[in-house]
């Protein structure tokens, strides 16, 4: 399984999502406020969650390992902080599960 990735901002982000896939990352979620961009993303990435709300990418059930922020630069900070906090918690949880499985717990 590759790095589970979400992409926010599908103007440039759809191009970046394609590049992520080419290097083996799994793009499992995309986000943009613009419906036309989400529609283009659904065509290109039919298995990915498509949403208008970046907060949906924080859902721990998505199990994201990375988030590509291709939205407006001045809007990066809140998304980066929220994504980092969620990813860090999620990664720690997955690490505990792998360790428990390895140790037979």
N, C-alpha and C. Protein backbone atom coordinates (compact mmCIF):
# COMPACT_ATOMS: atom_id res chain seq x y z
N UNK A 1 0.85 -1.17 0.00
CA UNK A 1 0.00 0.00 0.00
C UNK A 1 0.89 1.23 0.00
N UNK A 2 0.52 2.22 -0.84
CA UNK A 2 1.27 3.45 -0.92
C UNK A 2 0.89 4.44 0.16
N UNK A 3 1.47 5.61 0.08
CA UNK A 3 1.17 6.69 1.02
C UNK A 3 -0.23 7.20 0.70
N UNK A 4 -1.12 7.13 1.69
CA UNK A 4 -2.51 7.59 1.51
C UNK A 4 -2.52 9.11 1.56
N UNK A 5 -2.93 9.73 0.45
CA UNK A 5 -2.77 11.16 0.26
C UNK A 5 -4.09 11.84 -0.05
N UNK A 6 -4.26 13.04 0.51
CA UNK A 6 -5.37 13.92 0.17
C UNK A 6 -4.82 15.15 -0.51
N UNK A 7 -5.61 15.74 -1.41
CA UNK A 7 -5.18 16.93 -2.13
C UNK A 7 -6.25 18.01 -1.95
N UNK A 8 -5.81 19.19 -1.51
CA UNK A 8 -6.70 20.34 -1.33
C UNK A 8 -6.35 21.39 -2.38
N UNK A 9 -7.35 21.80 -3.15
CA UNK A 9 -7.14 22.78 -4.21
C UNK A 9 -6.85 22.06 -5.51
N UNK A 10 -7.84 22.00 -6.39
CA UNK A 10 -7.72 21.15 -7.57
C UNK A 10 -7.42 21.89 -8.85
N UNK A 11 -7.06 23.17 -8.77
CA UNK A 11 -6.55 23.86 -9.95
C UNK A 11 -5.22 23.22 -10.30
N UNK A 12 -4.21 23.54 -9.56
CA UNK A 12 -2.90 22.91 -9.68
C UNK A 12 -2.90 21.54 -9.02
N UNK A 13 -3.75 21.35 -8.03
CA UNK A 13 -3.76 20.12 -7.26
C UNK A 13 -4.08 18.88 -8.07
N UNK A 14 -4.89 18.98 -9.10
CA UNK A 14 -5.20 17.80 -9.91
C UNK A 14 -3.94 17.34 -10.66
N UNK A 15 -3.15 18.29 -11.13
CA UNK A 15 -1.85 17.97 -11.74
C UNK A 15 -0.95 17.29 -10.72
N UNK A 16 -0.90 17.85 -9.50
CA UNK A 16 -0.06 17.29 -8.45
C UNK A 16 -0.55 15.90 -8.02
N UNK A 17 -1.87 15.70 -8.01
CA UNK A 17 -2.43 14.39 -7.68
C UNK A 17 -1.96 13.35 -8.69
N UNK A 18 -1.93 13.72 -9.95
CA UNK A 18 -1.44 12.80 -10.97
C UNK A 18 0.02 12.46 -10.73
N UNK A 19 0.82 13.45 -10.37
CA UNK A 19 2.24 13.20 -10.09
C UNK A 19 2.41 12.31 -8.86
N UNK A 20 1.57 12.53 -7.86
CA UNK A 20 1.61 11.67 -6.67
C UNK A 20 1.36 10.21 -7.06
N UNK A 21 0.35 9.99 -7.87
CA UNK A 21 0.04 8.63 -8.30
C UNK A 21 1.18 8.01 -9.09
N UNK A 22 1.84 8.81 -9.91
CA UNK A 22 2.94 8.29 -10.74
C UNK A 22 4.11 7.80 -9.91
N UNK A 23 4.27 8.34 -8.70
CA UNK A 23 5.37 7.88 -7.85
C UNK A 23 4.89 6.87 -6.81
N UNK A 24 3.65 6.38 -6.96
CA UNK A 24 3.17 5.30 -6.11
C UNK A 24 2.34 5.71 -4.92
N UNK A 25 1.98 6.98 -4.81
CA UNK A 25 1.12 7.41 -3.70
C UNK A 25 -0.33 7.11 -4.05
N UNK A 26 -1.13 6.79 -3.05
CA UNK A 26 -2.56 6.54 -3.24
C UNK A 26 -3.32 7.82 -2.93
N UNK A 27 -3.87 8.47 -3.95
CA UNK A 27 -4.67 9.68 -3.74
C UNK A 27 -6.09 9.21 -3.42
N UNK A 28 -6.46 9.33 -2.15
CA UNK A 28 -7.73 8.78 -1.69
C UNK A 28 -8.78 9.84 -1.38
N UNK A 29 -8.39 11.13 -1.42
CA UNK A 29 -9.34 12.20 -1.15
C UNK A 29 -8.89 13.48 -1.84
N UNK A 30 -9.86 14.21 -2.38
CA UNK A 30 -9.58 15.50 -3.02
C UNK A 30 -10.61 16.52 -2.55
N UNK A 31 -10.20 17.78 -2.56
CA UNK A 31 -11.07 18.82 -2.04
C UNK A 31 -10.92 20.11 -2.85
N UNK A 32 -12.04 20.71 -3.18
CA UNK A 32 -12.06 22.03 -3.79
C UNK A 32 -13.47 22.60 -3.63
N UNK A 33 -13.57 23.90 -3.48
CA UNK A 33 -14.89 24.53 -3.36
C UNK A 33 -15.61 24.58 -4.70
N UNK A 34 -14.86 24.49 -5.79
CA UNK A 34 -15.42 24.62 -7.13
C UNK A 34 -15.92 23.26 -7.63
N UNK A 35 -17.21 23.18 -7.93
CA UNK A 35 -17.83 21.91 -8.36
C UNK A 35 -17.22 21.40 -9.66
N UNK A 36 -16.91 22.28 -10.61
CA UNK A 36 -16.33 21.84 -11.89
C UNK A 36 -14.98 21.17 -11.66
N UNK A 37 -14.18 21.71 -10.76
CA UNK A 37 -12.88 21.08 -10.46
C UNK A 37 -13.07 19.74 -9.77
N UNK A 38 -14.07 19.66 -8.88
CA UNK A 38 -14.34 18.37 -8.23
C UNK A 38 -14.81 17.35 -9.26
N UNK A 39 -15.61 17.78 -10.21
CA UNK A 39 -16.09 16.87 -11.26
C UNK A 39 -14.92 16.35 -12.09
N UNK A 40 -13.99 17.22 -12.43
CA UNK A 40 -12.80 16.79 -13.18
C UNK A 40 -11.99 15.79 -12.35
N UNK A 41 -11.90 16.04 -11.06
CA UNK A 41 -11.16 15.13 -10.18
C UNK A 41 -11.87 13.78 -10.08
N UNK A 42 -13.20 13.79 -10.03
CA UNK A 42 -13.94 12.52 -9.97
C UNK A 42 -13.69 11.70 -11.24
N UNK A 43 -13.57 12.38 -12.38
CA UNK A 43 -13.27 11.67 -13.63
C UNK A 43 -11.87 11.06 -13.58
N UNK A 44 -10.91 11.83 -13.07
CA UNK A 44 -9.52 11.38 -13.05
C UNK A 44 -9.23 10.40 -11.91
N UNK A 45 -9.96 10.56 -10.80
CA UNK A 45 -9.71 9.76 -9.59
C UNK A 45 -11.04 9.21 -9.06
N UNK A 46 -11.66 8.29 -9.79
CA UNK A 46 -13.02 7.85 -9.43
C UNK A 46 -13.13 7.18 -8.06
N UNK A 47 -12.05 6.65 -7.53
CA UNK A 47 -12.12 5.98 -6.23
C UNK A 47 -11.86 6.91 -5.05
N UNK A 48 -11.48 8.15 -5.34
CA UNK A 48 -11.15 9.10 -4.27
C UNK A 48 -12.41 9.80 -3.76
N UNK A 49 -12.43 10.06 -2.46
CA UNK A 49 -13.47 10.90 -1.87
C UNK A 49 -13.33 12.29 -2.48
N UNK A 50 -14.44 12.88 -2.89
CA UNK A 50 -14.43 14.24 -3.44
C UNK A 50 -15.32 15.10 -2.56
N UNK A 51 -14.79 16.20 -2.07
CA UNK A 51 -15.53 17.04 -1.14
C UNK A 51 -15.23 18.51 -1.35
N UNK A 52 -16.17 19.36 -0.92
CA UNK A 52 -15.96 20.81 -0.96
C UNK A 52 -15.36 21.30 0.35
N UNK A 53 -15.39 20.48 1.38
CA UNK A 53 -14.94 20.90 2.72
C UNK A 53 -13.61 20.24 3.08
N UNK A 54 -12.58 21.04 3.27
CA UNK A 54 -11.27 20.46 3.63
C UNK A 54 -11.33 19.74 4.97
N UNK A 55 -12.25 20.14 5.83
CA UNK A 55 -12.38 19.49 7.12
C UNK A 55 -12.71 18.00 6.98
N UNK A 56 -13.35 17.63 5.87
CA UNK A 56 -13.68 16.21 5.64
C UNK A 56 -12.42 15.35 5.52
N UNK A 57 -11.31 15.95 5.12
CA UNK A 57 -10.07 15.21 5.00
C UNK A 57 -9.44 14.89 6.35
N UNK A 58 -9.96 15.50 7.41
CA UNK A 58 -9.45 15.24 8.75
C UNK A 58 -10.07 13.99 9.38
N UNK A 59 -11.04 13.40 8.72
CA UNK A 59 -11.70 12.21 9.23
C UNK A 59 -10.67 11.09 9.42
N UNK A 60 -10.49 10.62 10.64
CA UNK A 60 -9.47 9.58 10.89
C UNK A 60 -9.73 8.29 10.10
N UNK A 61 -10.98 8.04 9.71
CA UNK A 61 -11.28 6.83 8.94
C UNK A 61 -10.63 6.85 7.55
N UNK A 62 -10.29 8.05 7.05
CA UNK A 62 -9.59 8.13 5.77
C UNK A 62 -8.15 7.62 5.90
N UNK A 63 -7.59 7.75 7.08
CA UNK A 63 -6.24 7.27 7.32
C UNK A 63 -5.18 7.94 6.46
N UNK A 64 -5.32 9.25 6.26
CA UNK A 64 -4.34 9.96 5.42
C UNK A 64 -2.96 9.97 6.06
N UNK A 65 -1.96 9.77 5.22
CA UNK A 65 -0.57 9.88 5.63
C UNK A 65 0.01 11.23 5.23
N UNK A 66 -0.59 11.84 4.20
CA UNK A 66 -0.07 13.11 3.67
C UNK A 66 -1.22 13.92 3.09
N UNK A 67 -1.04 15.24 3.11
CA UNK A 67 -1.99 16.15 2.47
C UNK A 67 -1.19 17.13 1.62
N UNK A 68 -1.57 17.23 0.35
CA UNK A 68 -0.95 18.19 -0.56
C UNK A 68 -1.82 19.44 -0.53
N UNK A 69 -1.22 20.56 -0.14
CA UNK A 69 -1.95 21.83 -0.09
C UNK A 69 -1.66 22.62 -1.35
N UNK A 70 -2.58 22.58 -2.28
CA UNK A 70 -2.44 23.30 -3.55
C UNK A 70 -3.49 24.41 -3.63
N UNK A 71 -4.02 24.77 -2.48
CA UNK A 71 -5.00 25.86 -2.42
C UNK A 71 -4.25 27.19 -2.35
N UNK A 72 -5.01 28.29 -2.20
CA UNK A 72 -4.38 29.61 -2.11
C UNK A 72 -3.39 29.65 -0.95
N UNK A 73 -2.23 30.21 -1.22
CA UNK A 73 -1.15 30.22 -0.24
C UNK A 73 -1.57 30.84 1.09
N UNK A 74 -2.34 31.92 1.03
CA UNK A 74 -2.71 32.60 2.28
C UNK A 74 -3.71 31.80 3.11
N UNK A 75 -4.18 30.68 2.59
CA UNK A 75 -5.09 29.82 3.35
C UNK A 75 -4.42 28.53 3.82
N UNK A 76 -3.12 28.40 3.63
CA UNK A 76 -2.42 27.17 4.00
C UNK A 76 -2.36 26.91 5.51
N UNK A 77 -2.14 27.94 6.29
CA UNK A 77 -1.84 27.74 7.73
C UNK A 77 -2.88 26.91 8.46
N UNK A 78 -4.17 27.27 8.44
CA UNK A 78 -5.13 26.46 9.20
C UNK A 78 -5.21 25.02 8.72
N UNK A 79 -5.11 24.82 7.41
CA UNK A 79 -5.16 23.46 6.87
C UNK A 79 -3.93 22.67 7.27
N UNK A 80 -2.77 23.32 7.21
CA UNK A 80 -1.53 22.64 7.56
C UNK A 80 -1.52 22.23 9.02
N UNK A 81 -1.92 23.13 9.89
CA UNK A 81 -1.93 22.82 11.33
C UNK A 81 -2.92 21.71 11.63
N UNK A 82 -4.12 21.80 11.08
CA UNK A 82 -5.13 20.77 11.32
C UNK A 82 -4.71 19.43 10.74
N UNK A 83 -4.17 19.45 9.53
CA UNK A 83 -3.74 18.21 8.89
C UNK A 83 -2.60 17.57 9.66
N UNK A 84 -1.65 18.38 10.09
CA UNK A 84 -0.51 17.86 10.84
C UNK A 84 -0.97 17.22 12.13
N UNK A 85 -1.85 17.89 12.85
CA UNK A 85 -2.34 17.35 14.12
C UNK A 85 -3.06 16.03 13.90
N UNK A 86 -3.91 15.98 12.91
CA UNK A 86 -4.67 14.76 12.63
C UNK A 86 -3.75 13.66 12.13
N UNK A 87 -2.85 13.97 11.21
CA UNK A 87 -1.95 12.96 10.66
C UNK A 87 -1.03 12.42 11.75
N UNK A 88 -0.54 13.28 12.60
CA UNK A 88 0.35 12.82 13.66
C UNK A 88 -0.37 11.86 14.58
N UNK A 89 -1.60 12.19 14.95
CA UNK A 89 -2.39 11.30 15.82
C UNK A 89 -2.68 9.99 15.11
N UNK A 90 -3.07 10.08 13.85
CA UNK A 90 -3.40 8.89 13.08
C UNK A 90 -2.17 8.00 12.90
N UNK A 91 -1.03 8.60 12.59
CA UNK A 91 0.19 7.81 12.41
C UNK A 91 0.59 7.12 13.70
N UNK A 92 0.47 7.82 14.82
CA UNK A 92 0.80 7.21 16.11
C UNK A 92 -0.12 6.03 16.37
N UNK A 93 -1.41 6.18 16.05
CA UNK A 93 -2.37 5.10 16.28
C UNK A 93 -2.04 3.90 15.41
N UNK A 94 -1.73 4.11 14.14
CA UNK A 94 -1.40 3.00 13.25
C UNK A 94 -0.11 2.32 13.70
N UNK A 95 0.84 3.12 14.17
CA UNK A 95 2.10 2.55 14.64
C UNK A 95 1.84 1.64 15.83
N UNK A 96 0.96 2.05 16.74
CA UNK A 96 0.63 1.22 17.90
C UNK A 96 -0.01 -0.09 17.44
N UNK A 97 -0.92 -0.02 16.47
CA UNK A 97 -1.59 -1.22 15.98
C UNK A 97 -0.57 -2.17 15.36
N UNK A 98 0.34 -1.64 14.52
CA UNK A 98 1.37 -2.50 13.91
C UNK A 98 2.26 -3.13 14.97
N UNK A 99 2.64 -2.34 15.97
CA UNK A 99 3.49 -2.87 17.04
C UNK A 99 2.76 -3.95 17.81
N UNK A 100 1.48 -3.72 18.11
CA UNK A 100 0.71 -4.72 18.83
C UNK A 100 0.60 -6.01 18.02
N UNK A 101 0.36 -5.88 16.75
CA UNK A 101 0.24 -7.08 15.89
C UNK A 101 1.58 -7.81 15.83
N UNK A 102 2.66 -7.06 15.70
CA UNK A 102 3.98 -7.66 15.61
C UNK A 102 4.32 -8.42 16.91
N UNK A 103 3.94 -7.81 18.04
CA UNK A 103 4.25 -8.40 19.34
C UNK A 103 3.22 -9.45 19.78
N UNK A 104 2.17 -9.66 18.95
CA UNK A 104 1.17 -10.66 19.27
C UNK A 104 0.17 -10.23 20.31
N UNK A 105 -0.01 -8.92 20.52
CA UNK A 105 -1.01 -8.41 21.49
C UNK A 105 -2.32 -8.13 20.84
